PDB file of N, CA and C in Angstrom:
ATOM      1  N   UNK A   1     146.713  70.426  33.406  1.00  0.00           N
ATOM      2  CA  UNK A   1     147.749  69.648  34.066  1.00  0.00           C
ATOM      3  C   UNK A   1     149.099  70.130  33.552  1.00  0.00           C
ATOM      4  N   UNK A   2     149.989  70.582  34.473  1.00  0.00           N
ATOM      5  CA  UNK A   2     151.182  71.242  33.977  1.00  0.00           C
ATOM      6  C   UNK A   2     152.513  70.755  34.526  1.00  0.00           C
ATOM      7  N   UNK A   3     152.604  70.275  35.756  1.00  0.00           N
ATOM      8  CA  UNK A   3     153.903  69.869  36.280  1.00  0.00           C
ATOM      9  C   UNK A   3     154.322  68.531  35.692  1.00  0.00           C
ATOM     10  N   UNK A   4     155.629  68.241  35.749  1.00  0.00           N
ATOM     11  CA  UNK A   4     156.123  66.985  35.187  1.00  0.00           C
ATOM     12  C   UNK A   4     155.599  65.776  35.939  1.00  0.00           C
ATOM     13  N   UNK A   5     155.427  65.899  37.246  1.00  0.00           N
ATOM     14  CA  UNK A   5     154.875  64.803  38.028  1.00  0.00           C
ATOM     15  C   UNK A   5     153.659  65.325  38.782  1.00  0.00           C
ATOM     16  N   UNK A   6     152.490  64.910  38.344  1.00  0.00           N
ATOM     17  CA  UNK A   6     151.247  65.357  38.971  1.00  0.00           C
ATOM     18  C   UNK A   6     150.643  64.228  39.792  1.00  0.00           C
ATOM     19  N   UNK A   7     150.062  64.574  40.917  1.00  0.00           N
ATOM     20  CA  UNK A   7     149.343  63.614  41.744  1.00  0.00           C
ATOM     21  C   UNK A   7     147.861  63.944  41.633  1.00  0.00           C
ATOM     22  N   UNK A   8     147.087  62.945  41.214  1.00  0.00           N
ATOM     23  CA  UNK A   8     145.652  63.171  41.015  1.00  0.00           C
ATOM     24  C   UNK A   8     144.855  61.993  41.571  1.00  0.00           C
ATOM     25  N   UNK A   9     143.632  62.258  42.033  1.00  0.00           N
ATOM     26  CA  UNK A   9     142.783  61.172  42.529  1.00  0.00           C
ATOM     27  C   UNK A   9     142.300  60.290  41.377  1.00  0.00           C
ATOM     28  N   UNK A  10     141.958  59.064  41.706  1.00  0.00           N
ATOM     29  CA  UNK A  10     141.546  58.082  40.699  1.00  0.00           C
ATOM     30  C   UNK A  10     140.348  58.553  39.882  1.00  0.00           C
ATOM     31  N   UNK A  11     139.380  59.203  40.513  1.00  0.00           N
ATOM     32  CA  UNK A  11     138.201  59.643  39.750  1.00  0.00           C
ATOM     33  C   UNK A  11     138.573  60.706  38.716  1.00  0.00           C
ATOM     34  N   UNK A  12     139.533  61.578  39.034  1.00  0.00           N
ATOM     35  CA  UNK A  12     140.003  62.571  38.064  1.00  0.00           C
ATOM     36  C   UNK A  12     140.794  61.886  36.943  1.00  0.00           C
ATOM     37  N   UNK A  13     141.586  60.885  37.303  1.00  0.00           N
ATOM     38  CA  UNK A  13     142.343  60.138  36.289  1.00  0.00           C
ATOM     39  C   UNK A  13     141.390  59.444  35.326  1.00  0.00           C
ATOM     40  N   UNK A  14     140.339  58.862  35.851  1.00  0.00           N
ATOM     41  CA  UNK A  14     139.351  58.186  35.008  1.00  0.00           C
ATOM     42  C   UNK A  14     138.697  59.174  34.043  1.00  0.00           C
ATOM     43  N   UNK A  15     138.345  60.339  34.543  1.00  0.00           N
ATOM     44  CA  UNK A  15     137.686  61.352  33.707  1.00  0.00           C
ATOM     45  C   UNK A  15     138.608  61.927  32.635  1.00  0.00           C
ATOM     46  N   UNK A  16     139.911  61.921  32.896  1.00  0.00           N
ATOM     47  CA  UNK A  16     140.874  62.554  31.987  1.00  0.00           C
ATOM     48  C   UNK A  16     141.878  61.565  31.405  1.00  0.00           C
ATOM     49  N   UNK A  17     141.497  60.297  31.317  1.00  0.00           N
ATOM     50  CA  UNK A  17     142.454  59.261  30.925  1.00  0.00           C
ATOM     51  C   UNK A  17     143.117  59.541  29.578  1.00  0.00           C
ATOM     52  N   UNK A  18     142.355  59.917  28.566  1.00  0.00           N
ATOM     53  CA  UNK A  18     142.949  60.147  27.244  1.00  0.00           C
ATOM     54  C   UNK A  18     143.918  61.325  27.262  1.00  0.00           C
ATOM     55  N   UNK A  19     143.591  62.363  27.993  1.00  0.00           N
ATOM     56  CA  UNK A  19     144.501  63.505  28.118  1.00  0.00           C
ATOM     57  C   UNK A  19     145.781  63.079  28.839  1.00  0.00           C
ATOM     58  N   UNK A  20     145.635  62.291  29.892  1.00  0.00           N
ATOM     59  CA  UNK A  20     146.794  61.800  30.640  1.00  0.00           C
ATOM     60  C   UNK A  20     147.681  60.962  29.731  1.00  0.00           C
ATOM     61  N   UNK A  21     147.088  60.054  28.969  1.00  0.00           N
ATOM     62  CA  UNK A  21     147.874  59.208  28.068  1.00  0.00           C
ATOM     63  C   UNK A  21     148.624  60.040  27.036  1.00  0.00           C
ATOM     64  N   UNK A  22     147.982  61.059  26.499  1.00  0.00           N
ATOM     65  CA  UNK A  22     148.653  61.942  25.539  1.00  0.00           C
ATOM     66  C   UNK A  22     149.823  62.676  26.179  1.00  0.00           C
ATOM     67  N   UNK A  23     149.613  63.199  27.367  1.00  0.00           N
ATOM     68  CA  UNK A  23     150.666  63.960  28.040  1.00  0.00           C
ATOM     69  C   UNK A  23     151.830  63.073  28.450  1.00  0.00           C
ATOM     70  N   UNK A  24     151.549  61.870  28.892  1.00  0.00           N
ATOM     71  CA  UNK A  24     152.611  60.938  29.270  1.00  0.00           C
ATOM     72  C   UNK A  24     153.442  60.576  28.040  1.00  0.00           C
ATOM     73  N   UNK A  25     152.775  60.335  26.924  1.00  0.00           N
ATOM     74  CA  UNK A  25     153.475  59.927  25.714  1.00  0.00           C
ATOM     75  C   UNK A  25     154.220  61.041  25.020  1.00  0.00           C
ATOM     76  N   UNK A  26     153.702  62.245  25.065  1.00  0.00           N
ATOM     77  CA  UNK A  26     154.289  63.345  24.304  1.00  0.00           C
ATOM     78  C   UNK A  26     155.170  64.270  25.131  1.00  0.00           C
ATOM     79  N   UNK A  27     154.940  64.356  26.415  1.00  0.00           N
ATOM     80  CA  UNK A  27     155.634  65.354  27.233  1.00  0.00           C
ATOM     81  C   UNK A  27     156.466  64.736  28.357  1.00  0.00           C
ATOM     82  N   UNK A  28     156.627  63.442  28.388  1.00  0.00           N
ATOM     83  CA  UNK A  28     157.390  62.741  29.429  1.00  0.00           C
ATOM     84  C   UNK A  28     156.885  63.080  30.831  1.00  0.00           C
ATOM     85  N   UNK A  29     155.575  63.200  30.957  1.00  0.00           N
ATOM     86  CA  UNK A  29     154.979  63.481  32.252  1.00  0.00           C
ATOM     87  C   UNK A  29     154.748  62.186  33.003  1.00  0.00           C
ATOM     88  N   UNK A  30     154.604  62.319  34.306  1.00  0.00           N
ATOM     89  CA  UNK A  30     154.277  61.202  35.184  1.00  0.00           C
ATOM     90  C   UNK A  30     153.046  61.594  35.988  1.00  0.00           C
ATOM     91  N   UNK A  31     152.205  60.612  36.239  1.00  0.00           N
ATOM     92  CA  UNK A  31     151.017  60.855  37.058  1.00  0.00           C
ATOM     93  C   UNK A  31     150.964  59.818  38.166  1.00  0.00           C
ATOM     94  N   UNK A  32     150.890  60.284  39.394  1.00  0.00           N
ATOM     95  CA  UNK A  32     150.665  59.411  40.532  1.00  0.00           C
ATOM     96  C   UNK A  32     149.167  59.436  40.801  1.00  0.00           C
ATOM     97  N   UNK A  33     148.565  58.260  40.787  1.00  0.00           N
ATOM     98  CA  UNK A  33     147.121  58.140  40.984  1.00  0.00           C
ATOM     99  C   UNK A  33     146.866  57.735  42.433  1.00  0.00           C
ATOM    100  N   UNK A  34     146.005  58.496  43.099  1.00  0.00           N
ATOM    101  CA  UNK A  34     145.681  58.188  44.492  1.00  0.00           C
ATOM    102  C   UNK A  34     144.272  57.614  44.598  1.00  0.00           C
ATOM    103  N   UNK A  35     144.082  56.830  45.643  1.00  0.00           N
ATOM    104  CA  UNK A  35     142.758  56.301  45.976  1.00  0.00           C
ATOM    105  C   UNK A  35     142.610  56.452  47.482  1.00  0.00           C
ATOM    106  N   UNK A  36     141.575  57.174  47.873  1.00  0.00           N
ATOM    107  CA  UNK A  36     141.352  57.482  49.292  1.00  0.00           C
ATOM    108  C   UNK A  36     142.575  58.166  49.907  1.00  0.00           C
ATOM    109  N   UNK A  37     143.181  59.045  49.111  1.00  0.00           N
ATOM    110  CA  UNK A  37     144.292  59.858  49.598  1.00  0.00           C
ATOM    111  C   UNK A  37     145.654  59.199  49.612  1.00  0.00           C
ATOM    112  N   UNK A  38     145.734  57.930  49.208  1.00  0.00           N
ATOM    113  CA  UNK A  38     147.015  57.226  49.226  1.00  0.00           C
ATOM    114  C   UNK A  38     147.465  56.909  47.800  1.00  0.00           C
ATOM    115  N   UNK A  39     148.761  57.059  47.510  1.00  0.00           N
ATOM    116  CA  UNK A  39     149.266  56.710  46.179  1.00  0.00           C
ATOM    117  C   UNK A  39     149.037  55.224  45.899  1.00  0.00           C
ATOM    118  N   UNK A  40     148.459  54.919  44.738  1.00  0.00           N
ATOM    119  CA  UNK A  40     148.158  53.532  44.389  1.00  0.00           C
ATOM    120  C   UNK A  40     148.805  53.087  43.085  1.00  0.00           C
ATOM    121  N   UNK A  41     149.105  54.043  42.189  1.00  0.00           N
ATOM    122  CA  UNK A  41     149.686  53.683  40.895  1.00  0.00           C
ATOM    123  C   UNK A  41     150.389  54.896  40.303  1.00  0.00           C
ATOM    124  N   UNK A  42     151.293  54.610  39.375  1.00  0.00           N
ATOM    125  CA  UNK A  42     151.983  55.666  38.638  1.00  0.00           C
ATOM    126  C   UNK A  42     151.843  55.360  37.156  1.00  0.00           C
ATOM    127  N   UNK A  43     151.504  56.376  36.382  1.00  0.00           N
ATOM    128  CA  UNK A  43     151.419  56.223  34.930  1.00  0.00           C
ATOM    129  C   UNK A  43     152.632  56.928  34.333  1.00  0.00           C
ATOM    130  N   UNK A  44     153.443  56.164  33.589  1.00  0.00           N
ATOM    131  CA  UNK A  44     154.620  56.704  32.907  1.00  0.00           C
ATOM    132  C   UNK A  44     154.631  56.178  31.478  1.00  0.00           C
ATOM    133  N   UNK A  45     155.464  56.761  30.637  1.00  0.00           N
ATOM    134  CA  UNK A  45     155.542  56.331  29.243  1.00  0.00           C
ATOM    135  C   UNK A  45     156.221  54.963  29.148  1.00  0.00           C
ATOM    136  N   UNK A  46     155.976  54.226  28.064  1.00  0.00           N
ATOM    137  CA  UNK A  46     156.654  52.940  27.874  1.00  0.00           C
ATOM    138  C   UNK A  46     158.173  53.096  27.837  1.00  0.00           C
ATOM    139  N   UNK A  47     158.663  54.200  27.270  1.00  0.00           N
ATOM    140  CA  UNK A  47     160.111  54.429  27.203  1.00  0.00           C
ATOM    141  C   UNK A  47     160.702  54.622  28.593  1.00  0.00           C
ATOM    142  N   UNK A  48     160.007  55.380  29.428  1.00  0.00           N
ATOM    143  CA  UNK A  48     160.489  55.589  30.785  1.00  0.00           C
ATOM    144  C   UNK A  48     160.433  54.284  31.583  1.00  0.00           C
ATOM    145  N   UNK A  49     159.385  53.494  31.380  1.00  0.00           N
ATOM    146  CA  UNK A  49     159.275  52.199  32.051  1.00  0.00           C
ATOM    147  C   UNK A  49     160.430  51.288  31.644  1.00  0.00           C
ATOM    148  N   UNK A  50     160.747  51.250  30.347  1.00  0.00           N
ATOM    149  CA  UNK A  50     161.861  50.426  29.860  1.00  0.00           C
ATOM    150  C   UNK A  50     163.179  50.890  30.477  1.00  0.00           C
ATOM    151  N   UNK A  51     163.336  52.197  30.621  1.00  0.00           N
ATOM    152  CA  UNK A  51     164.542  52.741  31.236  1.00  0.00           C
ATOM    153  C   UNK A  51     164.669  52.296  32.691  1.00  0.00           C
ATOM    154  N   UNK A  52     163.557  52.330  33.418  1.00  0.00           N
ATOM    155  CA  UNK A  52     163.559  51.861  34.810  1.00  0.00           C
ATOM    156  C   UNK A  52     163.884  50.374  34.890  1.00  0.00           C
ATOM    157  N   UNK A  53     163.320  49.586  33.973  1.00  0.00           N
ATOM    158  CA  UNK A  53     163.602  48.151  33.968  1.00  0.00           C
ATOM    159  C   UNK A  53     165.087  47.899  33.732  1.00  0.00           C
ATOM    160  N   UNK A  54     165.675  48.630  32.797  1.00  0.00           N
ATOM    161  CA  UNK A  54     167.099  48.478  32.507  1.00  0.00           C
ATOM    162  C   UNK A  54     167.939  48.862  33.719  1.00  0.00           C
ATOM    163  N   UNK A  55     167.564  49.948  34.384  1.00  0.00           N
ATOM    164  CA  UNK A  55     168.279  50.380  35.583  1.00  0.00           C
ATOM    165  C   UNK A  55     168.213  49.311  36.669  1.00  0.00           C
ATOM    166  N   UNK A  56     167.036  48.729  36.874  1.00  0.00           N
ATOM    167  CA  UNK A  56     166.890  47.674  37.881  1.00  0.00           C
ATOM    168  C   UNK A  56     167.694  46.433  37.511  1.00  0.00           C
ATOM    169  N   UNK A  57     167.716  46.109  36.225  1.00  0.00           N
ATOM    170  CA  UNK A  57     168.493  44.957  35.765  1.00  0.00           C
ATOM    171  C   UNK A  57     169.979  45.175  36.042  1.00  0.00           C
ATOM    172  N   UNK A  58     170.470  46.359  35.745  1.00  0.00           N
ATOM    173  CA  UNK A  58     171.879  46.675  36.000  1.00  0.00           C
ATOM    174  C   UNK A  58     172.163  46.636  37.498  1.00  0.00           C
ATOM    175  N   UNK A  59     171.301  47.266  38.288  1.00  0.00           N
ATOM    176  CA  UNK A  59     171.509  47.335  39.737  1.00  0.00           C
ATOM    177  C   UNK A  59     171.465  45.962  40.398  1.00  0.00           C
ATOM    178  N   UNK A  60     170.740  45.021  39.811  1.00  0.00           N
ATOM    179  CA  UNK A  60     170.637  43.687  40.409  1.00  0.00           C
ATOM    180  C   UNK A  60     171.778  42.769  39.989  1.00  0.00           C
ATOM    181  N   UNK A  61     172.602  43.203  39.047  1.00  0.00           N
ATOM    182  CA  UNK A  61     173.736  42.408  38.579  1.00  0.00           C
ATOM    183  C   UNK A  61     174.977  42.840  39.360  1.00  0.00           C
ATOM    184  N   UNK A  62     175.315  42.090  40.409  1.00  0.00           N
ATOM    185  CA  UNK A  62     176.416  42.473  41.297  1.00  0.00           C
ATOM    186  C   UNK A  62     177.740  42.594  40.554  1.00  0.00           C
ATOM    187  N   UNK A  63     177.978  41.691  39.618  1.00  0.00           N
ATOM    188  CA  UNK A  63     179.220  41.731  38.848  1.00  0.00           C
ATOM    189  C   UNK A  63     179.302  43.021  38.032  1.00  0.00           C
ATOM    190  N   UNK A  64     178.208  43.392  37.407  1.00  0.00           N
ATOM    191  CA  UNK A  64     178.182  44.606  36.595  1.00  0.00           C
ATOM    192  C   UNK A  64     178.351  45.851  37.463  1.00  0.00           C
ATOM    193  N   UNK A  65     177.681  45.898  38.607  1.00  0.00           N
ATOM    194  CA  UNK A  65     177.815  47.042  39.515  1.00  0.00           C
ATOM    195  C   UNK A  65     179.259  47.159  39.992  1.00  0.00           C
ATOM    196  N   UNK A  66     179.860  46.029  40.332  1.00  0.00           N
ATOM    197  CA  UNK A  66     181.262  46.019  40.765  1.00  0.00           C
ATOM    198  C   UNK A  66     182.161  46.555  39.656  1.00  0.00           C
ATOM    199  N   UNK A  67     181.905  46.123  38.433  1.00  0.00           N
ATOM    200  CA  UNK A  67     182.688  46.577  37.286  1.00  0.00           C
ATOM    201  C   UNK A  67     182.510  48.077  37.053  1.00  0.00           C
ATOM    202  N   UNK A  68     181.293  48.564  37.184  1.00  0.00           N
ATOM    203  CA  UNK A  68     181.028  49.996  37.003  1.00  0.00           C
ATOM    204  C   UNK A  68     181.765  50.808  38.065  1.00  0.00           C
ATOM    205  N   UNK A  69     181.686  50.373  39.317  1.00  0.00           N
ATOM    206  CA  UNK A  69     182.367  51.091  40.398  1.00  0.00           C
ATOM    207  C   UNK A  69     183.875  51.099  40.182  1.00  0.00           C
ATOM    208  N   UNK A  70     184.416  49.962  39.773  1.00  0.00           N
ATOM    209  CA  UNK A  70     185.852  49.863  39.508  1.00  0.00           C
ATOM    210  C   UNK A  70     186.238  50.815  38.379  1.00  0.00           C
ATOM    211  N   UNK A  71     185.438  50.848  37.347  1.00  0.00           N
ATOM    212  CA  UNK A  71     185.709  51.736  36.224  1.00  0.00           C
ATOM    213  C   UNK A  71     185.661  53.203  36.616  1.00  0.00           C
ATOM    214  N   UNK A  72     184.708  53.557  37.455  1.00  0.00           N
ATOM    215  CA  UNK A  72     184.609  54.946  37.905  1.00  0.00           C
ATOM    216  C   UNK A  72     185.829  55.353  38.728  1.00  0.00           C
ATOM    217  N   UNK A  73     186.340  54.424  39.512  1.00  0.00           N
ATOM    218  CA  UNK A  73     187.528  54.716  40.320  1.00  0.00           C
ATOM    219  C   UNK A  73     188.773  54.846  39.449  1.00  0.00           C
ATOM    220  N   UNK A  74     188.872  54.049  38.393  1.00  0.00           N
ATOM    221  CA  UNK A  74     190.087  54.026  37.567  1.00  0.00           C
ATOM    222  C   UNK A  74     190.189  55.228  36.633  1.00  0.00           C
ATOM    223  N   UNK A  75     189.084  55.839  36.298  1.00  0.00           N
ATOM    224  CA  UNK A  75     189.020  56.982  35.394  1.00  0.00           C
ATOM    225  C   UNK A  75     189.467  56.638  33.966  1.00  0.00           C
ATOM    226  N   UNK A  76     189.707  55.375  33.681  1.00  0.00           N
ATOM    227  CA  UNK A  76     190.061  54.954  32.329  1.00  0.00           C
ATOM    228  C   UNK A  76     188.795  54.895  31.483  1.00  0.00           C
ATOM    229  N   UNK A  77     188.918  55.208  30.200  1.00  0.00           N
ATOM    230  CA  UNK A  77     187.763  55.170  29.310  1.00  0.00           C
ATOM    231  C   UNK A  77     187.878  54.015  28.323  1.00  0.00           C
ATOM    232  N   UNK A  78     186.720  53.520  27.879  1.00  0.00           N
ATOM    233  CA  UNK A  78     186.643  52.421  26.926  1.00  0.00           C
ATOM    234  C   UNK A  78     185.637  52.775  25.843  1.00  0.00           C
ATOM    235  N   UNK A  79     185.841  52.204  24.667  1.00  0.00           N
ATOM    236  CA  UNK A  79     184.834  52.335  23.615  1.00  0.00           C
ATOM    237  C   UNK A  79     183.647  51.452  23.980  1.00  0.00           C
ATOM    238  N   UNK A  80     182.529  51.653  23.301  1.00  0.00           N
ATOM    239  CA  UNK A  80     181.349  50.820  23.564  1.00  0.00           C
ATOM    240  C   UNK A  80     181.671  49.357  23.298  1.00  0.00           C
ATOM    241  N   UNK A  81     182.386  49.076  22.222  1.00  0.00           N
ATOM    242  CA  UNK A  81     182.756  47.694  21.879  1.00  0.00           C
ATOM    243  C   UNK A  81     183.617  47.068  22.978  1.00  0.00           C
ATOM    244  N   UNK A  82     184.609  47.829  23.468  1.00  0.00           N
ATOM    245  CA  UNK A  82     185.464  47.320  24.544  1.00  0.00           C
ATOM    246  C   UNK A  82     184.652  47.063  25.815  1.00  0.00           C
ATOM    247  N   UNK A  83     183.771  47.986  26.150  1.00  0.00           N
ATOM    248  CA  UNK A  83     182.950  47.831  27.354  1.00  0.00           C
ATOM    249  C   UNK A  83     182.046  46.611  27.248  1.00  0.00           C
ATOM    250  N   UNK A  84     181.424  46.424  26.080  1.00  0.00           N
ATOM    251  CA  UNK A  84     180.565  45.251  25.881  1.00  0.00           C
ATOM    252  C   UNK A  84     181.360  43.962  26.042  1.00  0.00           C
ATOM    253  N   UNK A  85     182.577  43.938  25.522  1.00  0.00           N
ATOM    254  CA  UNK A  85     183.423  42.742  25.627  1.00  0.00           C
ATOM    255  C   UNK A  85     183.795  42.469  27.087  1.00  0.00           C
ATOM    256  N   UNK A  86     184.136  43.524  27.817  1.00  0.00           N
ATOM    257  CA  UNK A  86     184.533  43.377  29.217  1.00  0.00           C
ATOM    258  C   UNK A  86     183.403  42.795  30.061  1.00  0.00           C
ATOM    259  N   UNK A  87     182.173  43.274  29.848  1.00  0.00           N
ATOM    260  CA  UNK A  87     181.061  42.795  30.676  1.00  0.00           C
ATOM    261  C   UNK A  87     180.357  41.581  30.079  1.00  0.00           C
ATOM    262  N   UNK A  88     180.824  41.145  28.917  1.00  0.00           N
ATOM    263  CA  UNK A  88     180.287  39.912  28.342  1.00  0.00           C
ATOM    264  C   UNK A  88     178.991  40.065  27.586  1.00  0.00           C
ATOM    265  N   UNK A  89     178.754  41.232  27.021  1.00  0.00           N
ATOM    266  CA  UNK A  89     177.529  41.435  26.237  1.00  0.00           C
ATOM    267  C   UNK A  89     177.799  41.258  24.778  1.00  0.00           C
TER     268      UNK A  89
END
């Protein structure tokens, strides 16, 4: 298994589960698992999953998205402390 995102059938995933888990954890690989030819699940590392959750949390916060867009337009920069204070973290 060599590409960063591999698509494999469920029976192959079952046979190679430990190898898949090692590759996901050590090489930042993703595996799309199919059943009867259709994608049914994706296996990713816990770190990548946490990153996706954070992205979804940010995207669902309209105030934060508005603030990010405004900041991108203004081209002004802030320290991490200033940014946290502005968004209320």
